PDB file of N, CA and C in Angstrom:
ATOM      1  N   MET A   1       0.819  -1.293   0.223  1.00  0.00           N
ATOM      2  CA  MET A   1       0.105  -0.233  -0.025  1.00  0.00           C
ATOM      3  C   MET A   1       0.843   1.030  -0.001  1.00  0.00           C
ATOM      4  N   PHE A   2       0.264   2.189  -0.849  1.00  0.00           N
ATOM      5  CA  PHE A   2       1.080   3.766  -0.738  1.00  0.00           C
ATOM      6  C   PHE A   2       0.174   4.235  -0.119  1.00  0.00           C
ATOM      7  N   ILE A   3       0.884   5.832   0.559  1.00  0.00           N
ATOM      8  CA  ILE A   3       0.142   6.735   1.289  1.00  0.00           C
ATOM      9  C   ILE A   3       0.560   8.016   0.957  1.00  0.00           C
ATOM     10  N   PRO A   4      -0.148   9.277   0.714  1.00  0.00           N
ATOM     11  CA  PRO A   4       0.166  10.089  -0.078  1.00  0.00           C
ATOM     12  C   PRO A   4       1.021  10.957   0.820  1.00  0.00           C
ATOM     13  N   ALA A   5       2.269  11.543   0.025  1.00  0.00           N
ATOM     14  CA  ALA A   5       3.209  12.230   1.028  1.00  0.00           C
ATOM     15  C   ALA A   5       2.873  13.561   1.570  1.00  0.00           C
ATOM     16  N   HIS A   6       1.972  14.065   0.312  1.00  0.00           N
ATOM     17  CA  HIS A   6       1.495  15.053   0.944  1.00  0.00           C
ATOM     18  C   HIS A   6       0.130  15.468   0.585  1.00  0.00           C
ATOM     19  N   ASN A   7      -0.704  16.661   0.530  1.00  0.00           N
ATOM     20  CA  ASN A   7      -1.990  16.783   0.127  1.00  0.00           C
ATOM     21  C   ASN A   7      -1.895  17.383  -1.556  1.00  0.00           C
ATOM     22  N   GLU A   8      -3.025  17.652  -2.150  1.00  0.00           N
ATOM     23  CA  GLU A   8      -2.731  17.990  -3.262  1.00  0.00           C
ATOM     24  C   GLU A   8      -4.491  18.262  -3.951  1.00  0.00           C
ATOM     25  N   VAL A   9      -4.585  19.642  -4.445  1.00  0.00           N
ATOM     26  CA  VAL A   9      -5.635  20.368  -5.035  1.00  0.00           C
ATOM     27  C   VAL A   9      -5.574  20.821  -6.440  1.00  0.00           C
ATOM     28  N   PHE A  10      -6.164  20.251  -7.191  1.00  0.00           N
ATOM     29  CA  PHE A  10      -6.658  20.181  -8.460  1.00  0.00           C
ATOM     30  C   PHE A  10      -7.986  21.191  -9.246  1.00  0.00           C
ATOM     31  N   THR A  11      -7.877  21.754  -9.927  1.00  0.00           N
ATOM     32  CA  THR A  11      -8.998  22.361 -10.399  1.00  0.00           C
ATOM     33  C   THR A  11      -9.110  22.545 -11.777  1.00  0.00           C
ATOM     34  N   LEU A  12     -10.787  22.022 -12.053  1.00  0.00           N
ATOM     35  CA  LEU A  12     -10.939  21.985 -14.025  1.00  0.00           C
ATOM     36  C   LEU A  12     -12.350  22.599 -14.080  1.00  0.00           C
ATOM     37  N   THR A  13     -12.393  23.075 -15.245  1.00  0.00           N
ATOM     38  CA  THR A  13     -13.740  23.459 -15.725  1.00  0.00           C
ATOM     39  C   THR A  13     -14.142  23.064 -16.820  1.00  0.00           C
ATOM     40  N   CYS A  14     -15.582  22.464 -16.660  1.00  0.00           N
ATOM     41  CA  CYS A  14     -15.950  21.525 -17.571  1.00  0.00           C
ATOM     42  C   CYS A  14     -17.257  21.761 -17.921  1.00  0.00           C
ATOM     43  N   ASP A  15     -17.800  22.001 -18.886  1.00  0.00           N
ATOM     44  CA  ASP A  15     -19.288  22.360 -19.170  1.00  0.00           C
ATOM     45  C   ASP A  15     -20.075  23.140 -18.299  1.00  0.00           C
ATOM     46  N   LYS A  16     -19.623  23.909 -18.239  1.00  0.00           N
ATOM     47  CA  LYS A  16     -20.121  25.138 -17.248  1.00  0.00           C
ATOM     48  C   LYS A  16     -19.962  24.695 -15.635  1.00  0.00           C
ATOM     49  N   SER A  17     -19.359  23.948 -15.122  1.00  0.00           N
ATOM     50  CA  SER A  17     -19.020  23.349 -14.130  1.00  0.00           C
ATOM     51  C   SER A  17     -17.874  23.625 -13.866  1.00  0.00           C
ATOM     52  N   LYS A  18     -17.294  24.136 -12.166  1.00  0.00           N
ATOM     53  CA  LYS A  18     -16.168  24.095 -12.198  1.00  0.00           C
ATOM     54  C   LYS A  18     -15.767  22.775 -10.751  1.00  0.00           C
ATOM     55  N   PHE A  19     -15.039  22.004 -11.360  1.00  0.00           N
ATOM     56  CA  PHE A  19     -14.711  20.978 -10.108  1.00  0.00           C
ATOM     57  C   PHE A  19     -13.376  21.063  -9.262  1.00  0.00           C
ATOM     58  N   ILE A  20     -13.123  20.963  -8.168  1.00  0.00           N
ATOM     59  CA  ILE A  20     -12.035  20.958  -7.607  1.00  0.00           C
ATOM     60  C   ILE A  20     -12.029  19.854  -7.027  1.00  0.00           C
ATOM     61  N   ALA A  21     -10.588  19.133  -7.034  1.00  0.00           N
ATOM     62  CA  ALA A  21     -10.187  17.947  -6.463  1.00  0.00           C
ATOM     63  C   ALA A  21      -9.068  17.874  -5.740  1.00  0.00           C
ATOM     64  N   CYS A  22      -9.374  17.480  -4.230  1.00  0.00           N
ATOM     65  CA  CYS A  22      -8.593  17.016  -3.150  1.00  0.00           C
ATOM     66  C   CYS A  22      -8.294  16.304  -2.846  1.00  0.00           C
ATOM     67  N   LEU A  23      -6.776  15.780  -2.705  1.00  0.00           N
ATOM     68  CA  LEU A  23      -6.265  14.637  -1.855  1.00  0.00           C
ATOM     69  C   LEU A  23      -5.594  14.676  -0.927  1.00  0.00           C
ATOM     70  N   PHE A  24      -6.447  14.066   0.059  1.00  0.00           N
ATOM     71  CA  PHE A  24      -5.374  14.401   1.844  1.00  0.00           C
ATOM     72  C   PHE A  24      -5.122  13.166   2.028  1.00  0.00           C
ATOM     73  N   PHE A  25      -4.086  12.875   2.917  1.00  0.00           N
ATOM     74  CA  PHE A  25      -3.452  12.192   3.846  1.00  0.00           C
ATOM     75  C   PHE A  25      -4.519  12.045   4.880  1.00  0.00           C
ATOM     76  N   VAL A  26      -5.352  10.749   5.313  1.00  0.00           N
ATOM     77  CA  VAL A  26      -5.832  10.879   6.881  1.00  0.00           C
ATOM     78  C   VAL A  26      -5.739   9.660   7.668  1.00  0.00           C
ATOM     79  N   ALA A  27      -5.660   9.788   8.757  1.00  0.00           N
ATOM     80  CA  ALA A  27      -5.105   8.692   9.833  1.00  0.00           C
ATOM     81  C   ALA A  27      -6.475   8.098  10.231  1.00  0.00           C
ATOM     82  N   SER A  28      -7.539   8.304  10.147  1.00  0.00           N
ATOM     83  CA  SER A  28      -8.669   8.287  10.738  1.00  0.00           C
ATOM     84  C   SER A  28     -10.193   8.853  10.251  1.00  0.00           C
ATOM     85  N   THR A  29     -10.972   8.010  10.645  1.00  0.00           N
ATOM     86  CA  THR A  29     -12.285   8.790  10.098  1.00  0.00           C
ATOM     87  C   THR A  29     -12.674   9.733  10.951  1.00  0.00           C
ATOM     88  N   ASP A  30     -12.183  10.355  11.945  1.00  0.00           N
ATOM     89  CA  ASP A  30     -12.392  11.744  12.539  1.00  0.00           C
ATOM     90  C   ASP A  30     -11.790  12.621  11.495  1.00  0.00           C
ATOM     91  N   GLU A  31     -10.581  12.260  11.180  1.00  0.00           N
ATOM     92  CA  GLU A  31      -9.675  13.306  10.322  1.00  0.00           C
ATOM     93  C   GLU A  31     -10.625  13.261   9.277  1.00  0.00           C
ATOM     94  N   VAL A  32     -11.273  12.524   8.925  1.00  0.00           N
ATOM     95  CA  VAL A  32     -12.160  12.395   7.482  1.00  0.00           C
ATOM     96  C   VAL A  32     -12.836  13.482   7.672  1.00  0.00           C
ATOM     97  N   LYS A  33     -13.880  13.428   8.965  1.00  0.00           N
ATOM     98  CA  LYS A  33     -14.839  14.346   8.999  1.00  0.00           C
ATOM     99  C   LYS A  33     -14.282  15.670   9.094  1.00  0.00           C
ATOM    100  N   VAL A  34     -13.114  16.176   9.718  1.00  0.00           N
ATOM    101  CA  VAL A  34     -12.296  17.562   9.731  1.00  0.00           C
ATOM    102  C   VAL A  34     -12.120  17.861   8.527  1.00  0.00           C
ATOM    103  N   ARG A  35     -11.593  17.250   7.443  1.00  0.00           N
ATOM    104  CA  ARG A  35     -11.070  17.489   5.833  1.00  0.00           C
ATOM    105  C   ARG A  35     -12.512  18.030   5.279  1.00  0.00           C
ATOM    106  N   LEU A  36     -13.715  17.122   5.282  1.00  0.00           N
ATOM    107  CA  LEU A  36     -14.793  17.335   4.897  1.00  0.00           C
ATOM    108  C   LEU A  36     -15.352  18.674   4.969  1.00  0.00           C
ATOM    109  N   LEU A  37     -15.245  18.853   6.155  1.00  0.00           N
ATOM    110  CA  LEU A  37     -15.622  20.130   6.775  1.00  0.00           C
ATOM    111  C   LEU A  37     -14.671  21.399   6.637  1.00  0.00           C
ATOM    112  N   GLU A  38     -13.572  21.180   6.528  1.00  0.00           N
ATOM    113  CA  GLU A  38     -12.660  22.161   5.694  1.00  0.00           C
ATOM    114  C   GLU A  38     -13.192  22.454   4.527  1.00  0.00           C
ATOM    115  N   CYS A  39     -13.341  21.568   3.519  1.00  0.00           N
ATOM    116  CA  CYS A  39     -13.589  21.692   2.132  1.00  0.00           C
ATOM    117  C   CYS A  39     -15.247  22.449   2.180  1.00  0.00           C
ATOM    118  N   LYS A  40     -15.770  22.187   3.256  1.00  0.00           N
ATOM    119  CA  LYS A  40     -17.354  22.603   3.034  1.00  0.00           C
ATOM    120  C   LYS A  40     -17.075  24.451   3.247  1.00  0.00           C
ATOM    121  N   ASN A  41     -15.811  24.188   4.305  1.00  0.00           N
ATOM    122  CA  ASN A  41     -15.869  26.011   4.655  1.00  0.00           C
ATOM    123  C   ASN A  41     -14.994  26.730   3.548  1.00  0.00           C
ATOM    124  N   LEU A  42     -13.736  26.102   2.851  1.00  0.00           N
ATOM    125  CA  LEU A  42     -13.132  26.791   1.693  1.00  0.00           C
ATOM    126  C   LEU A  42     -14.099  27.406   0.916  1.00  0.00           C
ATOM    127  N   TYR A  43     -15.000  26.249   0.667  1.00  0.00           N
ATOM    128  CA  TYR A  43     -15.921  26.281  -0.726  1.00  0.00           C
ATOM    129  C   TYR A  43     -17.435  26.300  -0.359  1.00  0.00           C
ATOM    130  N   PRO A  44     -17.977  27.336   0.268  1.00  0.00           N
ATOM    131  CA  PRO A  44     -19.485  27.250   0.635  1.00  0.00           C
ATOM    132  C   PRO A  44     -20.434  27.451  -0.292  1.00  0.00           C
ATOM    133  N   LYS A  45     -20.137  27.745  -1.693  1.00  0.00           N
ATOM    134  CA  LYS A  45     -21.145  28.258  -2.619  1.00  0.00           C
ATOM    135  C   LYS A  45     -21.119  26.702  -3.213  1.00  0.00           C
ATOM    136  N   ALA A  46     -20.490  25.884  -3.155  1.00  0.00           N
ATOM    137  CA  ALA A  46     -20.137  24.511  -3.928  1.00  0.00           C
ATOM    138  C   ALA A  46     -21.649  24.465  -4.024  1.00  0.00           C
ATOM    139  N   ARG A  47     -21.916  23.332  -4.741  1.00  0.00           N
ATOM    140  CA  ARG A  47     -23.295  22.387  -4.820  1.00  0.00           C
ATOM    141  C   ARG A  47     -23.051  21.314  -4.003  1.00  0.00           C
ATOM    142  N   HIS A  48     -22.058  21.024  -4.601  1.00  0.00           N
ATOM    143  CA  HIS A  48     -21.984  19.068  -4.318  1.00  0.00           C
ATOM    144  C   HIS A  48     -20.237  18.720  -3.768  1.00  0.00           C
ATOM    145  N   TYR A  49     -20.130  18.018  -2.531  1.00  0.00           N
ATOM    146  CA  TYR A  49     -18.934  17.969  -2.130  1.00  0.00           C
ATOM    147  C   TYR A  49     -19.225  15.935  -1.835  1.00  0.00           C
ATOM    148  N   LEU A  50     -18.704  15.414  -3.175  1.00  0.00           N
ATOM    149  CA  LEU A  50     -18.468  13.999  -3.337  1.00  0.00           C
ATOM    150  C   LEU A  50     -17.149  13.293  -2.432  1.00  0.00           C
ATOM    151  N   TYR A  51     -17.264  12.358  -2.023  1.00  0.00           N
ATOM    152  CA  TYR A  51     -15.793  11.826  -1.737  1.00  0.00           C
ATOM    153  C   TYR A  51     -15.715  10.291  -1.243  1.00  0.00           C
ATOM    154  N   ALA A  52     -14.722  10.161  -1.171  1.00  0.00           N
ATOM    155  CA  ALA A  52     -14.609   8.532  -0.962  1.00  0.00           C
ATOM    156  C   ALA A  52     -12.878   8.568  -0.641  1.00  0.00           C
ATOM    157  N   TYR A  53     -12.773   7.295   0.823  1.00  0.00           N
ATOM    158  CA  TYR A  53     -11.515   7.230   1.456  1.00  0.00           C
ATOM    159  C   TYR A  53     -11.654   5.986   1.882  1.00  0.00           C
ATOM    160  N   LYS A  54     -10.208   5.632   2.221  1.00  0.00           N
ATOM    161  CA  LYS A  54      -9.644   4.315   2.265  1.00  0.00           C
ATOM    162  C   LYS A  54      -8.709   4.420   3.794  1.00  0.00           C
ATOM    163  N   ILE A  55      -8.835   3.758   4.542  1.00  0.00           N
ATOM    164  CA  ILE A  55      -7.775   3.657   5.632  1.00  0.00           C
ATOM    165  C   ILE A  55      -8.014   2.331   6.183  1.00  0.00           C
ATOM    166  N   LYS A  56      -6.804   1.569   5.966  1.00  0.00           N
ATOM    167  CA  LYS A  56      -6.576   0.155   6.141  1.00  0.00           C
ATOM    168  C   LYS A  56      -7.963  -0.371   5.739  1.00  0.00           C
ATOM    169  N   ASN A  57      -8.844  -1.182   6.467  1.00  0.00           N
ATOM    170  CA  ASN A  57      -9.560  -2.001   6.190  1.00  0.00           C
ATOM    171  C   ASN A  57     -10.910  -1.236   5.958  1.00  0.00           C
ATOM    172  N   GLN A  58     -10.942  -0.072   6.215  1.00  0.00           N
ATOM    173  CA  GLN A  58     -12.342   0.767   6.384  1.00  0.00           C
ATOM    174  C   GLN A  58     -12.557   1.710   4.914  1.00  0.00           C
ATOM    175  N   SER A  59     -13.760   1.753   4.501  1.00  0.00           N
ATOM    176  CA  SER A  59     -13.753   2.558   3.236  1.00  0.00           C
ATOM    177  C   SER A  59     -15.079   2.965   3.264  1.00  0.00           C
ATOM    178  N   LYS A  60     -15.120   3.873   2.382  1.00  0.00           N
ATOM    179  CA  LYS A  60     -16.535   4.679   2.177  1.00  0.00           C
ATOM    180  C   LYS A  60     -16.619   5.845   1.150  1.00  0.00           C
ATOM    181  N   SER A  61     -18.251   5.842   0.104  1.00  0.00           N
ATOM    182  CA  SER A  61     -18.085   6.615  -0.573  1.00  0.00           C
ATOM    183  C   SER A  61     -19.308   7.534  -0.333  1.00  0.00           C
ATOM    184  N   ASN A  62     -19.591   8.599  -0.821  1.00  0.00           N
ATOM    185  CA  ASN A  62     -20.537   9.145  -1.077  1.00  0.00           C
ATOM    186  C   ASN A  62     -20.774  10.591  -2.122  1.00  0.00           C
ATOM    187  N   ASP A  63     -21.847  10.527  -2.892  1.00  0.00           N
ATOM    188  CA  ASP A  63     -22.039  11.124  -3.895  1.00  0.00           C
ATOM    189  C   ASP A  63     -22.737  12.561  -3.683  1.00  0.00           C
ATOM    190  N   ASP A  64     -23.300  12.921  -2.473  1.00  0.00           N
ATOM    191  CA  ASP A  64     -23.745  13.906  -2.025  1.00  0.00           C
ATOM    192  C   ASP A  64     -24.783  14.672  -3.040  1.00  0.00           C
ATOM    193  N   GLY A  65     -25.924  13.767  -3.447  1.00  0.00           N
ATOM    194  CA  GLY A  65     -26.534  13.893  -4.273  1.00  0.00           C
ATOM    195  C   GLY A  65     -26.934  14.111  -5.829  1.00  0.00           C
ATOM    196  N   GLU A  66     -25.325  13.828  -5.896  1.00  0.00           N
ATOM    197  CA  GLU A  66     -24.882  13.951  -7.647  1.00  0.00           C
ATOM    198  C   GLU A  66     -25.357  12.872  -8.184  1.00  0.00           C
ATOM    199  N   PRO A  67     -26.121  13.209  -9.346  1.00  0.00           N
ATOM    200  CA  PRO A  67     -26.540  11.645 -10.165  1.00  0.00           C
ATOM    201  C   PRO A  67     -25.759  10.737 -10.261  1.00  0.00           C
ATOM    202  N   GLY A  68     -25.748   9.048 -10.047  1.00  0.00           N
ATOM    203  CA  GLY A  68     -24.826   8.300 -10.747  1.00  0.00           C
ATOM    204  C   GLY A  68     -23.947   7.773  -9.407  1.00  0.00           C
ATOM    205  N   ALA A  69     -23.164   6.930  -9.523  1.00  0.00           N
ATOM    206  CA  ALA A  69     -22.147   6.333  -8.502  1.00  0.00           C
ATOM    207  C   ALA A  69     -20.738   6.856  -8.555  1.00  0.00           C
ATOM    208  N   ILE A  70     -20.326   8.227  -8.983  1.00  0.00           N
ATOM    209  CA  ILE A  70     -19.037   8.488  -9.417  1.00  0.00           C
ATOM    210  C   ILE A  70     -18.549   8.238  -7.890  1.00  0.00           C
ATOM    211  N   ALA A  71     -18.670   8.457  -6.838  1.00  0.00           N
ATOM    212  CA  ALA A  71     -17.829   8.300  -5.902  1.00  0.00           C
ATOM    213  C   ALA A  71     -17.381   6.750  -5.568  1.00  0.00           C
ATOM    214  N   LYS A  72     -18.283   6.007  -5.917  1.00  0.00           N
ATOM    215  CA  LYS A  72     -17.545   4.698  -6.056  1.00  0.00           C
ATOM    216  C   LYS A  72     -16.577   4.445  -6.823  1.00  0.00           C
ATOM    217  N   GLY A  73     -16.441   5.276  -8.195  1.00  0.00           N
ATOM    218  CA  GLY A  73     -15.293   5.486  -8.975  1.00  0.00           C
ATOM    219  C   GLY A  73     -13.838   5.699  -8.601  1.00  0.00           C
ATOM    220  N   PHE A  74     -14.137   6.700  -7.209  1.00  0.00           N
ATOM    221  CA  PHE A  74     -13.090   7.233  -6.535  1.00  0.00           C
ATOM    222  C   PHE A  74     -12.305   6.075  -5.830  1.00  0.00           C
ATOM    223  N   LEU A  75     -13.327   5.396  -5.372  1.00  0.00           N
ATOM    224  CA  LEU A  75     -13.083   3.936  -4.806  1.00  0.00           C
ATOM    225  C   LEU A  75     -12.212   3.056  -5.228  1.00  0.00           C
ATOM    226  N   LYS A  76     -12.633   2.579  -6.626  1.00  0.00           N
ATOM    227  CA  LYS A  76     -11.852   1.992  -7.360  1.00  0.00           C
ATOM    228  C   LYS A  76     -10.497   2.508  -7.892  1.00  0.00           C
ATOM    229  N   ILE A  77     -10.565   3.958  -7.799  1.00  0.00           N
ATOM    230  CA  ILE A  77      -9.021   4.658  -7.885  1.00  0.00           C
ATOM    231  C   ILE A  77      -7.896   4.108  -6.979  1.00  0.00           C
ATOM    232  N   LEU A  78      -8.892   4.558  -5.762  1.00  0.00           N
ATOM    233  CA  LEU A  78      -7.628   4.103  -4.826  1.00  0.00           C
ATOM    234  C   LEU A  78      -7.472   2.675  -4.623  1.00  0.00           C
ATOM    235  N   ASP A  79      -8.086   1.829  -4.837  1.00  0.00           N
ATOM    236  CA  ASP A  79      -7.879   0.359  -4.782  1.00  0.00           C
ATOM    237  C   ASP A  79      -6.894   0.010  -6.072  1.00  0.00           C
ATOM    238  N   GLU A  80      -7.033   0.633  -6.990  1.00  0.00           N
ATOM    239  CA  GLU A  80      -6.023   0.312  -8.169  1.00  0.00           C
ATOM    240  C   GLU A  80      -4.851   0.694  -7.812  1.00  0.00           C
ATOM    241  N   LYS A  81      -4.693   2.032  -7.308  1.00  0.00           N
ATOM    242  CA  LYS A  81      -3.512   2.422  -7.077  1.00  0.00           C
ATOM    243  C   LYS A  81      -2.800   2.058  -6.107  1.00  0.00           C
ATOM    244  N   LYS A  82      -3.603   1.249  -5.031  1.00  0.00           N
ATOM    245  CA  LYS A  82      -3.166   0.660  -3.881  1.00  0.00           C
ATOM    246  C   LYS A  82      -2.592   2.081  -2.777  1.00  0.00           C
ATOM    247  N   LEU A  83      -3.893   2.646  -2.505  1.00  0.00           N
ATOM    248  CA  LEU A  83      -3.759   3.834  -1.905  1.00  0.00           C
ATOM    249  C   LEU A  83      -4.265   3.719  -0.642  1.00  0.00           C
ATOM    250  N   ASP A  84      -3.588   4.048   0.924  1.00  0.00           N
ATOM    251  CA  ASP A  84      -4.104   3.432   1.942  1.00  0.00           C
ATOM    252  C   ASP A  84      -4.349   4.720   2.802  1.00  0.00           C
ATOM    253  N   LYS A  85      -4.914   5.395   3.662  1.00  0.00           N
ATOM    254  CA  LYS A  85      -4.688   6.462   4.754  1.00  0.00           C
ATOM    255  C   LYS A  85      -5.119   7.864   3.697  1.00  0.00           C
ATOM    256  N   THR A  86      -6.155   7.629   2.744  1.00  0.00           N
ATOM    257  CA  THR A  86      -6.457   8.711   1.640  1.00  0.00           C
ATOM    258  C   THR A  86      -7.649   9.126   1.625  1.00  0.00           C
ATOM    259  N   LEU A  87      -7.836  10.368   1.379  1.00  0.00           N
ATOM    260  CA  LEU A  87      -9.262  10.722   1.068  1.00  0.00           C
ATOM    261  C   LEU A  87      -9.307  11.658  -0.398  1.00  0.00           C
ATOM    262  N   ILE A  88     -10.670  11.372  -1.142  1.00  0.00           N
ATOM    263  CA  ILE A  88     -10.420  12.112  -2.239  1.00  0.00           C
ATOM    264  C   ILE A  88     -12.005  13.135  -1.950  1.00  0.00           C
ATOM    265  N   VAL A  89     -12.036  14.267  -2.321  1.00  0.00           N
ATOM    266  CA  VAL A  89     -12.957  15.117  -2.011  1.00  0.00           C
ATOM    267  C   VAL A  89     -13.170  15.722  -3.381  1.00  0.00           C
ATOM    268  N   VAL A  90     -14.084  15.475  -4.160  1.00  0.00           N
ATOM    269  CA  VAL A  90     -14.380  16.523  -5.395  1.00  0.00           C
ATOM    270  C   VAL A  90     -15.451  17.575  -5.211  1.00  0.00           C
ATOM    271  N   VAL A  91     -15.191  18.726  -5.139  1.00  0.00           N
ATOM    272  CA  VAL A  91     -16.099  19.877  -4.923  1.00  0.00           C
ATOM    273  C   VAL A  91     -16.749  20.298  -6.547  1.00  0.00           C
ATOM    274  N   ARG A  92     -17.801  20.305  -6.557  1.00  0.00           N
ATOM    275  CA  ARG A  92     -18.467  20.548  -7.655  1.00  0.00           C
ATOM    276  C   ARG A  92     -19.257  21.916  -7.453  1.00  0.00           C
ATOM    277  N   PHE A  93     -19.051  23.000  -8.207  1.00  0.00           N
ATOM    278  CA  PHE A  93     -19.831  23.984  -8.389  1.00  0.00           C
ATOM    279  C   PHE A  93     -20.388  24.386 -10.017  1.00  0.00           C
ATOM    280  N   LEU A  94     -22.057  24.315  -9.910  1.00  0.00           N
ATOM    281  CA  LEU A  94     -22.414  24.684 -11.080  1.00  0.00           C
ATOM    282  C   LEU A  94     -22.628  25.764 -12.026  1.00  0.00           C
ATOM    283  N   GLY A  95     -22.542  25.660 -13.114  1.00  0.00           N
ATOM    284  CA  GLY A  95     -22.589  27.120 -13.685  1.00  0.00           C
ATOM    285  C   GLY A  95     -21.491  28.399 -13.246  1.00  0.00           C
ATOM    286  N   ALA A  96     -20.156  27.830 -13.763  1.00  0.00           N
ATOM    287  CA  ALA A  96     -18.613  28.004 -13.211  1.00  0.00           C
ATOM    288  C   ALA A  96     -18.361  28.913 -14.558  1.00  0.00           C
TER     289      ALA A  96
END
């Protein structure tokens, strides 16, 4: 398993929506909650906050009302890349 060495943030604008993808090192589910709250506070006007995390044998994804099962794809990426102690959050703004 690999663990991210540092946090990363990427931005993409596509089809009148803006996406901000954040990759975090997280050691516990409590830290997941803190990082999600940070994203919501940093980007309060966003429409959706999709996320997935993997910490040892624990994993979870949430689409936050976005249609489809997009966040499950994030879990697949975490598994394929053999990432552990990792949280992916994608913040979506509509009409950006």
